[in-house]
Amino acid sequence: MENSYGIMGTIIYIAVIVLSILAYWKLFEKAGKPGWASIIPIYNAIVLLEIVGKPWWWVLLFLIPVVNIILFIYVTHLFATSYGKDIIYTIGLLLLPFVFGVLMAFDNDTRYVGPTG
């Protein structure tokens, strides 16, 4: 019986991961970037910075403790506003990215409006 909970948890976990990958793939495409870039480590951060209108070298700032947390929150806010979303989506992307990312990606009314930073 307890083994079935582990299997079900694993299936749910994999489903959330796949859905998140699809969502961010679509969000990158909405911004005119290649969707596959969303799954390549480090390169996805560089492309994300392009989407929000910040220089590539900001990736190096993510390596600095404490600065990385503040920068992550700021870039997430810029990401949400680049798609015409407000602070509610910023908070949602920070706390539940697999939910709000999917909402942004598959909402036909959500369009990439360009960098807002």
PDB file of N, CA and C in Angstrom:
ATOM      1  N   MET A   1       0.816  -1.194   0.000  1.00  0.00           N
ATOM      2  CA  MET A   1       0.000   0.000   0.000  1.00  0.00           C
ATOM      3  C   MET A   1       0.860   1.258   0.000  1.00  0.00           C
ATOM      4  N   GLU A   2       1.894   1.305   0.868  1.00  0.00           N
ATOM      5  CA  GLU A   2       2.709   2.505   0.937  1.00  0.00           C
ATOM      6  C   GLU A   2       3.547   2.693  -0.319  1.00  0.00           C
ATOM      7  N   ASN A   3       3.853   1.627  -1.038  1.00  0.00           N
ATOM      8  CA  ASN A   3       4.599   1.727  -2.276  1.00  0.00           C
ATOM      9  C   ASN A   3       3.787   2.451  -3.347  1.00  0.00           C
ATOM     10  N   SER A   4       2.475   2.291  -3.331  1.00  0.00           N
ATOM     11  CA  SER A   4       1.635   2.944  -4.338  1.00  0.00           C
ATOM     12  C   SER A   4       1.645   4.463  -4.159  1.00  0.00           C
ATOM     13  N   TYR A   5       1.807   4.942  -2.906  1.00  0.00           N
ATOM     14  CA  TYR A   5       1.908   6.384  -2.685  1.00  0.00           C
ATOM     15  C   TYR A   5       3.197   6.929  -3.290  1.00  0.00           C
ATOM     16  N   GLY A   6       4.261   6.187  -3.181  1.00  0.00           N
ATOM     17  CA  GLY A   6       5.533   6.603  -3.765  1.00  0.00           C
ATOM     18  C   GLY A   6       5.468   6.661  -5.272  1.00  0.00           C
ATOM     19  N   ILE A   7       4.812   5.688  -5.867  1.00  0.00           N
ATOM     20  CA  ILE A   7       4.657   5.670  -7.325  1.00  0.00           C
ATOM     21  C   ILE A   7       3.775   6.824  -7.766  1.00  0.00           C
ATOM     22  N   MET A   8       2.675   7.063  -7.057  1.00  0.00           N
ATOM     23  CA  MET A   8       1.769   8.149  -7.414  1.00  0.00           C
ATOM     24  C   MET A   8       2.467   9.502  -7.244  1.00  0.00           C
ATOM     25  N   GLY A   9       3.234   9.650  -6.180  1.00  0.00           N
ATOM     26  CA  GLY A   9       3.989  10.884  -5.967  1.00  0.00           C
ATOM     27  C   GLY A   9       4.995  11.129  -7.072  1.00  0.00           C
ATOM     28  N   THR A  10       5.644  10.065  -7.504  1.00  0.00           N
ATOM     29  CA  THR A  10       6.624  10.166  -8.592  1.00  0.00           C
ATOM     30  C   THR A  10       5.943  10.578  -9.893  1.00  0.00           C
ATOM     31  N   ILE A  11       4.790  10.005 -10.168  1.00  0.00           N
ATOM     32  CA  ILE A  11       4.045  10.344 -11.390  1.00  0.00           C
ATOM     33  C   ILE A  11       3.619  11.808 -11.361  1.00  0.00           C
ATOM     34  N   ILE A  12       3.127  12.270 -10.214  1.00  0.00           N
ATOM     35  CA  ILE A  12       2.722  13.674 -10.087  1.00  0.00           C
ATOM     36  C   ILE A  12       3.923  14.590 -10.253  1.00  0.00           C
ATOM     37  N   TYR A  13       5.030  14.223  -9.641  1.00  0.00           N
ATOM     38  CA  TYR A  13       6.261  15.018  -9.744  1.00  0.00           C
ATOM     39  C   TYR A  13       6.714  15.129 -11.201  1.00  0.00           C
ATOM     40  N   ILE A  14       6.736  14.021 -11.905  1.00  0.00           N
ATOM     41  CA  ILE A  14       7.148  14.021 -13.307  1.00  0.00           C
ATOM     42  C   ILE A  14       6.175  14.855 -14.146  1.00  0.00           C
ATOM     43  N   ALA A  15       4.883  14.758 -13.870  1.00  0.00           N
ATOM     44  CA  ALA A  15       3.881  15.542 -14.596  1.00  0.00           C
ATOM     45  C   ALA A  15       4.099  17.042 -14.391  1.00  0.00           C
ATOM     46  N   VAL A  16       4.398  17.445 -13.158  1.00  0.00           N
ATOM     47  CA  VAL A  16       4.655  18.864 -12.867  1.00  0.00           C
ATOM     48  C   VAL A  16       5.904  19.334 -13.609  1.00  0.00           C
ATOM     49  N   ILE A  17       6.947  18.525 -13.631  1.00  0.00           N
ATOM     50  CA  ILE A  17       8.185  18.884 -14.332  1.00  0.00           C
ATOM     51  C   ILE A  17       7.931  19.035 -15.828  1.00  0.00           C
ATOM     52  N   VAL A  18       7.244  18.074 -16.431  1.00  0.00           N
ATOM     53  CA  VAL A  18       6.959  18.125 -17.871  1.00  0.00           C
ATOM     54  C   VAL A  18       6.093  19.337 -18.199  1.00  0.00           C
ATOM     55  N   LEU A  19       5.076  19.603 -17.383  1.00  0.00           N
ATOM     56  CA  LEU A  19       4.206  20.751 -17.608  1.00  0.00           C
ATOM     57  C   LEU A  19       4.983  22.062 -17.489  1.00  0.00           C
ATOM     58  N   SER A  20       5.898  22.132 -16.536  1.00  0.00           N
ATOM     59  CA  SER A  20       6.730  23.335 -16.374  1.00  0.00           C
ATOM     60  C   SER A  20       7.644  23.534 -17.579  1.00  0.00           C
ATOM     61  N   ILE A  21       8.233  22.463 -18.063  1.00  0.00           N
ATOM     62  CA  ILE A  21       9.097  22.554 -19.240  1.00  0.00           C
ATOM     63  C   ILE A  21       8.297  23.042 -20.445  1.00  0.00           C
ATOM     64  N   LEU A  22       7.117  22.479 -20.653  1.00  0.00           N
ATOM     65  CA  LEU A  22       6.271  22.909 -21.770  1.00  0.00           C
ATOM     66  C   LEU A  22       5.870  24.373 -21.639  1.00  0.00           C
ATOM     67  N   ALA A  23       5.554  24.797 -20.423  1.00  0.00           N
ATOM     68  CA  ALA A  23       5.135  26.180 -20.198  1.00  0.00           C
ATOM     69  C   ALA A  23       6.257  27.156 -20.527  1.00  0.00           C
ATOM     70  N   TYR A  24       7.448  26.906 -19.986  1.00  0.00           N
ATOM     71  CA  TYR A  24       8.541  27.833 -20.239  1.00  0.00           C
ATOM     72  C   TYR A  24       9.034  27.759 -21.682  1.00  0.00           C
ATOM     73  N   TRP A  25       8.915  26.607 -22.299  1.00  0.00           N
ATOM     74  CA  TRP A  25       9.222  26.472 -23.728  1.00  0.00           C
ATOM     75  C   TRP A  25       8.314  27.416 -24.515  1.00  0.00           C
ATOM     76  N   LYS A  26       7.025  27.390 -24.207  1.00  0.00           N
ATOM     77  CA  LYS A  26       6.048  28.229 -24.902  1.00  0.00           C
ATOM     78  C   LYS A  26       6.269  29.714 -24.590  1.00  0.00           C
ATOM     79  N   LEU A  27       6.603  30.039 -23.346  1.00  0.00           N
ATOM     80  CA  LEU A  27       6.862  31.436 -22.991  1.00  0.00           C
ATOM     81  C   LEU A  27       8.082  31.972 -23.736  1.00  0.00           C
ATOM     82  N   PHE A  28       9.114  31.166 -23.879  1.00  0.00           N
ATOM     83  CA  PHE A  28      10.285  31.594 -24.644  1.00  0.00           C
ATOM     84  C   PHE A  28       9.896  31.827 -26.103  1.00  0.00           C
ATOM     85  N   GLU A  29       9.075  30.945 -26.667  1.00  0.00           N
ATOM     86  CA  GLU A  29       8.635  31.110 -28.050  1.00  0.00           C
ATOM     87  C   GLU A  29       7.772  32.354 -28.219  1.00  0.00           C
ATOM     88  N   LYS A  30       6.928  32.663 -27.227  1.00  0.00           N
ATOM     89  CA  LYS A  30       6.113  33.876 -27.294  1.00  0.00           C
ATOM     90  C   LYS A  30       6.997  35.116 -27.347  1.00  0.00           C
ATOM     91  N   ALA A  31       8.173  35.037 -26.759  1.00  0.00           N
ATOM     92  CA  ALA A  31       9.110  36.169 -26.754  1.00  0.00           C
ATOM     93  C   ALA A  31       9.996  36.180 -27.998  1.00  0.00           C
ATOM     94  N   GLY A  32       9.773  35.244 -28.918  1.00  0.00           N
ATOM     95  CA  GLY A  32      10.555  35.192 -30.140  1.00  0.00           C
ATOM     96  C   GLY A  32      11.897  34.499 -29.986  1.00  0.00           C
ATOM     97  N   LYS A  33      12.062  33.758 -28.911  1.00  0.00           N
ATOM     98  CA  LYS A  33      13.292  33.008 -28.666  1.00  0.00           C
ATOM     99  C   LYS A  33      13.026  31.532 -28.939  1.00  0.00           C
ATOM    100  N   PRO A  34      14.070  30.746 -29.188  1.00  0.00           N
ATOM    101  CA  PRO A  34      13.842  29.312 -29.397  1.00  0.00           C
ATOM    102  C   PRO A  34      13.370  28.643 -28.104  1.00  0.00           C
ATOM    103  N   GLY A  35      12.326  27.830 -28.214  1.00  0.00           N
ATOM    104  CA  GLY A  35      11.776  27.155 -27.042  1.00  0.00           C
ATOM    105  C   GLY A  35      12.765  26.232 -26.370  1.00  0.00           C
ATOM    106  N   TRP A  36      13.599  25.564 -27.167  1.00  0.00           N
ATOM    107  CA  TRP A  36      14.570  24.623 -26.596  1.00  0.00           C
ATOM    108  C   TRP A  36      15.545  25.314 -25.678  1.00  0.00           C
ATOM    109  N   ALA A  37      15.713  26.629 -25.821  1.00  0.00           N
ATOM    110  CA  ALA A  37      16.648  27.361 -24.962  1.00  0.00           C
ATOM    111  C   ALA A  37      16.216  27.324 -23.501  1.00  0.00           C
ATOM    112  N   SER A  38      14.949  27.073 -23.247  1.00  0.00           N
ATOM    113  CA  SER A  38      14.450  27.060 -21.872  1.00  0.00           C
ATOM    114  C   SER A  38      14.923  25.843 -21.081  1.00  0.00           C
ATOM    115  N   ILE A  39      15.438  24.830 -21.761  1.00  0.00           N
ATOM    116  CA  ILE A  39      15.849  23.613 -21.051  1.00  0.00           C
ATOM    117  C   ILE A  39      17.368  23.443 -20.954  1.00  0.00           C
ATOM    118  N   ILE A  40      18.128  24.405 -21.478  1.00  0.00           N
ATOM    119  CA  ILE A  40      19.582  24.318 -21.443  1.00  0.00           C
ATOM    120  C   ILE A  40      20.093  25.144 -20.263  1.00  0.00           C
ATOM    121  N   PRO A  41      20.694  24.500 -19.267  1.00  0.00           N
ATOM    122  CA  PRO A  41      21.191  25.248 -18.106  1.00  0.00           C
ATOM    123  C   PRO A  41      22.167  26.358 -18.496  1.00  0.00           C
ATOM    124  N   ILE A  42      22.146  27.419 -17.791  1.00  0.00           N
ATOM    125  CA  ILE A  42      22.940  28.638 -17.962  1.00  0.00           C
ATOM    126  C   ILE A  42      22.491  29.409 -19.214  1.00  0.00           C
ATOM    127  N   TYR A  43      22.396  28.723 -20.353  1.00  0.00           N
ATOM    128  CA  TYR A  43      21.920  29.399 -21.560  1.00  0.00           C
ATOM    129  C   TYR A  43      20.493  29.900 -21.361  1.00  0.00           C
ATOM    130  N   ASN A  44      19.668  29.143 -20.637  1.00  0.00           N
ATOM    131  CA  ASN A  44      18.302  29.601 -20.410  1.00  0.00           C
ATOM    132  C   ASN A  44      18.280  30.885 -19.587  1.00  0.00           C
ATOM    133  N   ALA A  45      19.214  31.046 -18.683  1.00  0.00           N
ATOM    134  CA  ALA A  45      19.304  32.280 -17.901  1.00  0.00           C
ATOM    135  C   ALA A  45      19.724  33.448 -18.789  1.00  0.00           C
ATOM    136  N   ILE A  46      20.638  33.205 -19.712  1.00  0.00           N
ATOM    137  CA  ILE A  46      21.077  34.251 -20.639  1.00  0.00           C
ATOM    138  C   ILE A  46      19.912  34.690 -21.528  1.00  0.00           C
ATOM    139  N   VAL A  47      19.167  33.730 -22.051  1.00  0.00           N
ATOM    140  CA  VAL A  47      18.017  34.050 -22.896  1.00  0.00           C
ATOM    141  C   VAL A  47      16.935  34.747 -22.085  1.00  0.00           C
ATOM    142  N   LEU A  48      16.717  34.303 -20.856  1.00  0.00           N
ATOM    143  CA  LEU A  48      15.745  34.956 -19.983  1.00  0.00           C
ATOM    144  C   LEU A  48      16.128  36.418 -19.751  1.00  0.00           C
ATOM    145  N   LEU A  49      17.401  36.674 -19.550  1.00  0.00           N
ATOM    146  CA  LEU A  49      17.862  38.052 -19.387  1.00  0.00           C
ATOM    147  C   LEU A  49      17.649  38.863 -20.662  1.00  0.00           C
ATOM    148  N   GLU A  50      17.789  38.244 -21.826  1.00  0.00           N
ATOM    149  CA  GLU A  50      17.478  38.922 -23.086  1.00  0.00           C
ATOM    150  C   GLU A  50      15.995  39.265 -23.147  1.00  0.00           C
ATOM    151  N   ILE A  51      15.151  38.333 -22.703  1.00  0.00           N
ATOM    152  CA  ILE A  51      13.701  38.550 -22.725  1.00  0.00           C
ATOM    153  C   ILE A  51      13.323  39.750 -21.865  1.00  0.00           C
ATOM    154  N   VAL A  52      13.964  39.887 -20.717  1.00  0.00           N
ATOM    155  CA  VAL A  52      13.625  40.993 -19.809  1.00  0.00           C
ATOM    156  C   VAL A  52      14.456  42.246 -20.083  1.00  0.00           C
ATOM    157  N   GLY A  53      15.355  42.180 -21.057  1.00  0.00           N
ATOM    158  CA  GLY A  53      16.107  43.356 -21.465  1.00  0.00           C
ATOM    159  C   GLY A  53      17.307  43.692 -20.609  1.00  0.00           C
ATOM    160  N   LYS A  54      17.924  42.702 -20.031  1.00  0.00           N
ATOM    161  CA  LYS A  54      19.112  42.921 -19.203  1.00  0.00           C
ATOM    162  C   LYS A  54      20.326  42.269 -19.865  1.00  0.00           C
ATOM    163  N   PRO A  55      21.540  42.751 -19.557  1.00  0.00           N
ATOM    164  CA  PRO A  55      22.741  42.205 -20.200  1.00  0.00           C
ATOM    165  C   PRO A  55      23.061  40.784 -19.723  1.00  0.00           C
ATOM    166  N   TRP A  56      23.733  40.046 -20.589  1.00  0.00           N
ATOM    167  CA  TRP A  56      24.065  38.641 -20.304  1.00  0.00           C
ATOM    168  C   TRP A  56      24.941  38.479 -19.077  1.00  0.00           C
ATOM    169  N   TRP A  57      25.787  39.458 -18.797  1.00  0.00           N
ATOM    170  CA  TRP A  57      26.736  39.317 -17.696  1.00  0.00           C
ATOM    171  C   TRP A  57      26.050  39.321 -16.334  1.00  0.00           C
ATOM    172  N   TRP A  58      24.764  39.638 -16.281  1.00  0.00           N
ATOM    173  CA  TRP A  58      24.024  39.537 -15.023  1.00  0.00           C
ATOM    174  C   TRP A  58      24.007  38.097 -14.517  1.00  0.00           C
ATOM    175  N   VAL A  59      24.247  37.133 -15.411  1.00  0.00           N
ATOM    176  CA  VAL A  59      24.327  35.732 -14.990  1.00  0.00           C
ATOM    177  C   VAL A  59      25.400  35.591 -13.913  1.00  0.00           C
ATOM    178  N   LEU A  60      26.469  36.341 -14.031  1.00  0.00           N
ATOM    179  CA  LEU A  60      27.548  36.289 -13.042  1.00  0.00           C
ATOM    180  C   LEU A  60      27.082  36.797 -11.678  1.00  0.00           C
ATOM    181  N   LEU A  61      26.146  37.734 -11.675  1.00  0.00           N
ATOM    182  CA  LEU A  61      25.618  38.254 -10.416  1.00  0.00           C
ATOM    183  C   LEU A  61      24.829  37.194  -9.655  1.00  0.00           C
ATOM    184  N   PHE A  62      24.297  36.236 -10.398  1.00  0.00           N
ATOM    185  CA  PHE A  62      23.560  35.140  -9.749  1.00  0.00           C
ATOM    186  C   PHE A  62      24.486  34.243  -8.920  1.00  0.00           C
ATOM    187  N   LEU A  63      25.786  34.385  -9.088  1.00  0.00           N
ATOM    188  CA  LEU A  63      26.742  33.583  -8.327  1.00  0.00           C
ATOM    189  C   LEU A  63      27.087  34.194  -6.980  1.00  0.00           C
ATOM    190  N   ILE A  64      26.641  35.423  -6.742  1.00  0.00           N
ATOM    191  CA  ILE A  64      26.971  36.128  -5.500  1.00  0.00           C
ATOM    192  C   ILE A  64      25.860  35.890  -4.478  1.00  0.00           C
ATOM    193  N   PRO A  65      26.202  35.328  -3.327  1.00  0.00           N
ATOM    194  CA  PRO A  65      25.185  35.088  -2.298  1.00  0.00           C
ATOM    195  C   PRO A  65      24.458  36.374  -1.900  1.00  0.00           C
ATOM    196  N   VAL A  66      23.211  36.254  -1.588  1.00  0.00           N
ATOM    197  CA  VAL A  66      22.285  37.316  -1.203  1.00  0.00           C
ATOM    198  C   VAL A  66      21.904  38.176  -2.418  1.00  0.00           C
ATOM    199  N   VAL A  67      22.890  38.583  -3.199  1.00  0.00           N
ATOM    200  CA  VAL A  67      22.596  39.336  -4.420  1.00  0.00           C
ATOM    201  C   VAL A  67      21.734  38.483  -5.344  1.00  0.00           C
ATOM    202  N   ASN A  68      22.029  37.189  -5.401  1.00  0.00           N
ATOM    203  CA  ASN A  68      21.286  36.298  -6.283  1.00  0.00           C
ATOM    204  C   ASN A  68      19.806  36.215  -5.902  1.00  0.00           C
ATOM    205  N   ILE A  69      19.497  36.268  -4.634  1.00  0.00           N
ATOM    206  CA  ILE A  69      18.098  36.208  -4.199  1.00  0.00           C
ATOM    207  C   ILE A  69      17.359  37.470  -4.621  1.00  0.00           C
ATOM    208  N   ILE A  70      17.972  38.611  -4.369  1.00  0.00           N
ATOM    209  CA  ILE A  70      17.362  39.889  -4.744  1.00  0.00           C
ATOM    210  C   ILE A  70      17.218  39.983  -6.262  1.00  0.00           C
ATOM    211  N   LEU A  71      18.248  39.583  -6.976  1.00  0.00           N
ATOM    212  CA  LEU A  71      18.226  39.624  -8.428  1.00  0.00           C
ATOM    213  C   LEU A  71      17.188  38.664  -8.990  1.00  0.00           C
ATOM    214  N   PHE A  72      17.050  37.490  -8.397  1.00  0.00           N
ATOM    215  CA  PHE A  72      16.051  36.522  -8.844  1.00  0.00           C
ATOM    216  C   PHE A  72      14.641  37.107  -8.732  1.00  0.00           C
ATOM    217  N   ILE A  73      14.355  37.763  -7.620  1.00  0.00           N
ATOM    218  CA  ILE A  73      13.041  38.376  -7.430  1.00  0.00           C
ATOM    219  C   ILE A  73      12.827  39.487  -8.462  1.00  0.00           C
ATOM    220  N   TYR A  74      13.846  40.317  -8.665  1.00  0.00           N
ATOM    221  CA  TYR A  74      13.744  41.421  -9.619  1.00  0.00           C
ATOM    222  C   TYR A  74      13.545  40.919 -11.050  1.00  0.00           C
ATOM    223  N   VAL A  75      14.338  39.932 -11.462  1.00  0.00           N
ATOM    224  CA  VAL A  75      14.227  39.392 -12.821  1.00  0.00           C
ATOM    225  C   VAL A  75      12.875  38.688 -13.007  1.00  0.00           C
ATOM    226  N   THR A  76      12.395  38.017 -11.981  1.00  0.00           N
ATOM    227  CA  THR A  76      11.070  37.389 -12.066  1.00  0.00           C
ATOM    228  C   THR A  76       9.998  38.451 -12.274  1.00  0.00           C
ATOM    229  N   HIS A  77      10.115  39.568 -11.572  1.00  0.00           N
ATOM    230  CA  HIS A  77       9.156  40.660 -11.764  1.00  0.00           C
ATOM    231  C   HIS A  77       9.245  41.217 -13.189  1.00  0.00           C
ATOM    232  N   LEU A  78      10.457  41.408 -13.686  1.00  0.00           N
ATOM    233  CA  LEU A  78      10.625  41.888 -15.056  1.00  0.00           C
ATOM    234  C   LEU A  78      10.056  40.893 -16.065  1.00  0.00           C
ATOM    235  N   PHE A  79      10.225  39.613 -15.778  1.00  0.00           N
ATOM    236  CA  PHE A  79       9.685  38.568 -16.653  1.00  0.00           C
ATOM    237  C   PHE A  79       8.162  38.658 -16.714  1.00  0.00           C
ATOM    238  N   ALA A  80       7.529  38.794 -15.561  1.00  0.00           N
ATOM    239  CA  ALA A  80       6.067  38.891 -15.525  1.00  0.00           C
ATOM    240  C   ALA A  80       5.593  40.149 -16.255  1.00  0.00           C
ATOM    241  N   THR A  81       6.242  41.271 -16.017  1.00  0.00           N
ATOM    242  CA  THR A  81       5.806  42.509 -16.671  1.00  0.00           C
ATOM    243  C   THR A  81       6.120  42.511 -18.166  1.00  0.00           C
ATOM    244  N   SER A  82       7.101  41.729 -18.595  1.00  0.00           N
ATOM    245  CA  SER A  82       7.388  41.605 -20.026  1.00  0.00           C
ATOM    246  C   SER A  82       6.248  40.923 -20.773  1.00  0.00           C
ATOM    247  N   TYR A  83       5.403  40.232 -20.034  1.00  0.00           N
ATOM    248  CA  TYR A  83       4.222  39.597 -20.621  1.00  0.00           C
ATOM    249  C   TYR A  83       2.939  40.326 -20.234  1.00  0.00           C
ATOM    250  N   GLY A  84       3.090  41.547 -19.738  1.00  0.00           N
ATOM    251  CA  GLY A  84       1.934  42.363 -19.400  1.00  0.00           C
ATOM    252  C   GLY A  84       1.244  41.981 -18.101  1.00  0.00           C
ATOM    253  N   LYS A  85       1.936  41.277 -17.240  1.00  0.00           N
ATOM    254  CA  LYS A  85       1.353  40.836 -15.966  1.00  0.00           C
ATOM    255  C   LYS A  85       1.792  41.763 -14.842  1.00  0.00           C
ATOM    256  N   ASP A  86       1.069  41.715 -13.736  1.00  0.00           N
ATOM    257  CA  ASP A  86       1.331  42.612 -12.615  1.00  0.00           C
ATOM    258  C   ASP A  86       2.047  41.897 -11.467  1.00  0.00           C
ATOM    259  N   ILE A  87       2.080  42.556 -10.329  1.00  0.00           N
ATOM    260  CA  ILE A  87       2.793  42.039  -9.152  1.00  0.00           C
ATOM    261  C   ILE A  87       2.215  40.717  -8.652  1.00  0.00           C
ATOM    262  N   ILE A  88       0.933  40.485  -8.873  1.00  0.00           N
ATOM    263  CA  ILE A  88       0.313  39.213  -8.459  1.00  0.00           C
ATOM    264  C   ILE A  88       0.978  38.055  -9.192  1.00  0.00           C
ATOM    265  N   TYR A  89       1.239  38.234 -10.468  1.00  0.00           N
ATOM    266  CA  TYR A  89       1.920  37.179 -11.219  1.00  0.00           C
ATOM    267  C   TYR A  89       3.377  37.037 -10.784  1.00  0.00           C
ATOM    268  N   THR A  90       3.997  38.135 -10.402  1.00  0.00           N
ATOM    269  CA  THR A  90       5.364  38.048  -9.885  1.00  0.00           C
ATOM    270  C   THR A  90       5.400  37.173  -8.639  1.00  0.00           C
ATOM    271  N   ILE A  91       4.502  37.452  -7.712  1.00  0.00           N
ATOM    272  CA  ILE A  91       4.424  36.654  -6.482  1.00  0.00           C
ATOM    273  C   ILE A  91       4.076  35.203  -6.815  1.00  0.00           C
ATOM    274  N   GLY A  92       3.153  35.012  -7.735  1.00  0.00           N
ATOM    275  CA  GLY A  92       2.775  33.666  -8.155  1.00  0.00           C
ATOM    276  C   GLY A  92       3.939  32.911  -8.777  1.00  0.00           C
ATOM    277  N   LEU A  93       4.707  33.593  -9.631  1.00  0.00           N
ATOM    278  CA  LEU A  93       5.863  32.939 -10.255  1.00  0.00           C
ATOM    279  C   LEU A  93       6.944  32.605  -9.236  1.00  0.00           C
ATOM    280  N   LEU A  94       7.036  33.402  -8.183  1.00  0.00           N
ATOM    281  CA  LEU A  94       8.023  33.121  -7.144  1.00  0.00           C
ATOM    282  C   LEU A  94       7.601  31.946  -6.258  1.00  0.00           C
ATOM    283  N   LEU A  95       6.311  31.871  -5.939  1.00  0.00           N
ATOM    284  CA  LEU A  95       5.836  30.847  -5.003  1.00  0.00           C
ATOM    285  C   LEU A  95       5.353  29.569  -5.690  1.00  0.00           C
ATOM    286  N   LEU A  96       4.693  29.714  -6.820  1.00  0.00           N
ATOM    287  CA  LEU A  96       4.147  28.565  -7.553  1.00  0.00           C
ATOM    288  C   LEU A  96       4.449  28.703  -9.048  1.00  0.00           C
ATOM    289  N   PRO A  97       5.720  28.608  -9.433  1.00  0.00           N
ATOM    290  CA  PRO A  97       6.069  28.835 -10.840  1.00  0.00           C
ATOM    291  C   PRO A  97       5.427  27.829 -11.790  1.00  0.00           C
ATOM    292  N   PHE A  98       5.199  26.613 -11.330  1.00  0.00           N
ATOM    293  CA  PHE A  98       4.604  25.597 -12.189  1.00  0.00           C
ATOM    294  C   PHE A  98       3.123  25.860 -12.437  1.00  0.00           C
ATOM    295  N   VAL A  99       2.488  26.680 -11.624  1.00  0.00           N
ATOM    296  CA  VAL A  99       1.087  27.049 -11.845  1.00  0.00           C
ATOM    297  C   VAL A  99       1.006  28.329 -12.669  1.00  0.00           C
ATOM    298  N   PHE A 100       1.685  29.383 -12.219  1.00  0.00           N
ATOM    299  CA  PHE A 100       1.591  30.672 -12.892  1.00  0.00           C
ATOM    300  C   PHE A 100       2.320  30.677 -14.234  1.00  0.00           C
ATOM    301  N   GLY A 101       3.373  29.895 -14.360  1.00  0.00           N
ATOM    302  CA  GLY A 101       4.038  29.748 -15.649  1.00  0.00           C
ATOM    303  C   GLY A 101       3.106  29.113 -16.669  1.00  0.00           C
ATOM    304  N   VAL A 102       2.380  28.102 -16.246  1.00  0.00           N
ATOM    305  CA  VAL A 102       1.408  27.439 -17.126  1.00  0.00           C
ATOM    306  C   VAL A 102       0.282  28.404 -17.494  1.00  0.00           C
ATOM    307  N   LEU A 103      -0.200  29.170 -16.512  1.00  0.00           N
ATOM    308  CA  LEU A 103      -1.259  30.151 -16.787  1.00  0.00           C
ATOM    309  C   LEU A 103      -0.807  31.173 -17.826  1.00  0.00           C
ATOM    310  N   MET A 104       0.414  31.652 -17.682  1.00  0.00           N
ATOM    311  CA  MET A 104       0.925  32.630 -18.643  1.00  0.00           C
ATOM    312  C   MET A 104       1.145  32.013 -20.019  1.00  0.00           C
ATOM    313  N   ALA A 105       1.662  30.808 -20.041  1.00  0.00           N
ATOM    314  CA  ALA A 105       2.022  30.177 -21.314  1.00  0.00           C
ATOM    315  C   ALA A 105       0.803  29.808 -22.143  1.00  0.00           C
ATOM    316  N   PHE A 106      -0.210  29.280 -21.507  1.00  0.00           N
ATOM    317  CA  PHE A 106      -1.334  28.746 -22.267  1.00  0.00           C
ATOM    318  C   PHE A 106      -2.549  29.659 -22.296  1.00  0.00           C
ATOM    319  N   ASP A 107      -2.410  30.884 -21.781  1.00  0.00           N
ATOM    320  CA  ASP A 107      -3.454  31.886 -21.876  1.00  0.00           C
ATOM    321  C   ASP A 107      -3.282  32.604 -23.213  1.00  0.00           C
ATOM    322  N   ASN A 108      -4.289  32.515 -24.064  1.00  0.00           N
ATOM    323  CA  ASN A 108      -4.189  33.121 -25.390  1.00  0.00           C
ATOM    324  C   ASN A 108      -4.117  34.648 -25.339  1.00  0.00           C
ATOM    325  N   ASP A 109      -4.564  35.256 -24.248  1.00  0.00           N
ATOM    326  CA  ASP A 109      -4.520  36.703 -24.109  1.00  0.00           C
ATOM    327  C   ASP A 109      -3.149  37.202 -23.661  1.00  0.00           C
ATOM    328  N   THR A 110      -2.315  36.329 -23.146  1.00  0.00           N
ATOM    329  CA  THR A 110      -0.982  36.729 -22.680  1.00  0.00           C
ATOM    330  C   THR A 110      -0.053  36.831 -23.881  1.00  0.00           C
ATOM    331  N   ARG A 111       0.480  38.036 -24.072  1.00  0.00           N
ATOM    332  CA  ARG A 111       1.397  38.301 -25.164  1.00  0.00           C
ATOM    333  C   ARG A 111       2.685  38.887 -24.606  1.00  0.00           C
ATOM    334  N   TYR A 112       3.755  38.645 -25.314  1.00  0.00           N
ATOM    335  CA  TYR A 112       5.032  39.260 -24.944  1.00  0.00           C
ATOM    336  C   TYR A 112       4.984  40.708 -25.402  1.00  0.00           C
ATOM    337  N   VAL A 113       5.132  41.619 -24.449  1.00  0.00           N
ATOM    338  CA  VAL A 113       5.049  43.049 -24.772  1.00  0.00           C
ATOM    339  C   VAL A 113       6.427  43.691 -24.862  1.00  0.00           C
ATOM    340  N   GLY A 114       7.444  42.955 -24.558  1.00  0.00           N
ATOM    341  CA  GLY A 114       8.805  43.456 -24.642  1.00  0.00           C
ATOM    342  C   GLY A 114       9.401  43.722 -23.275  1.00  0.00           C
ATOM    343  N   PRO A 115      10.697  43.971 -23.258  1.00  0.00           N
ATOM    344  CA  PRO A 115      11.361  44.232 -21.980  1.00  0.00           C
ATOM    345  C   PRO A 115      10.783  45.489 -21.329  1.00  0.00           C
ATOM    346  N   THR A 116      10.602  45.418 -20.033  1.00  0.00           N
ATOM    347  CA  THR A 116      10.060  46.562 -19.311  1.00  0.00           C
ATOM    348  C   THR A 116      11.064  47.134 -18.333  1.00  0.00           C
ATOM    349  N   GLY A 117      12.243  46.507 -18.230  1.00  0.00           N
ATOM    350  CA  GLY A 117      13.255  46.949 -17.279  1.00  0.00           C
ATOM    351  C   GLY A 117      13.965  48.111 -17.805  1.00  0.00           C
TER     352      GLY A 117
END
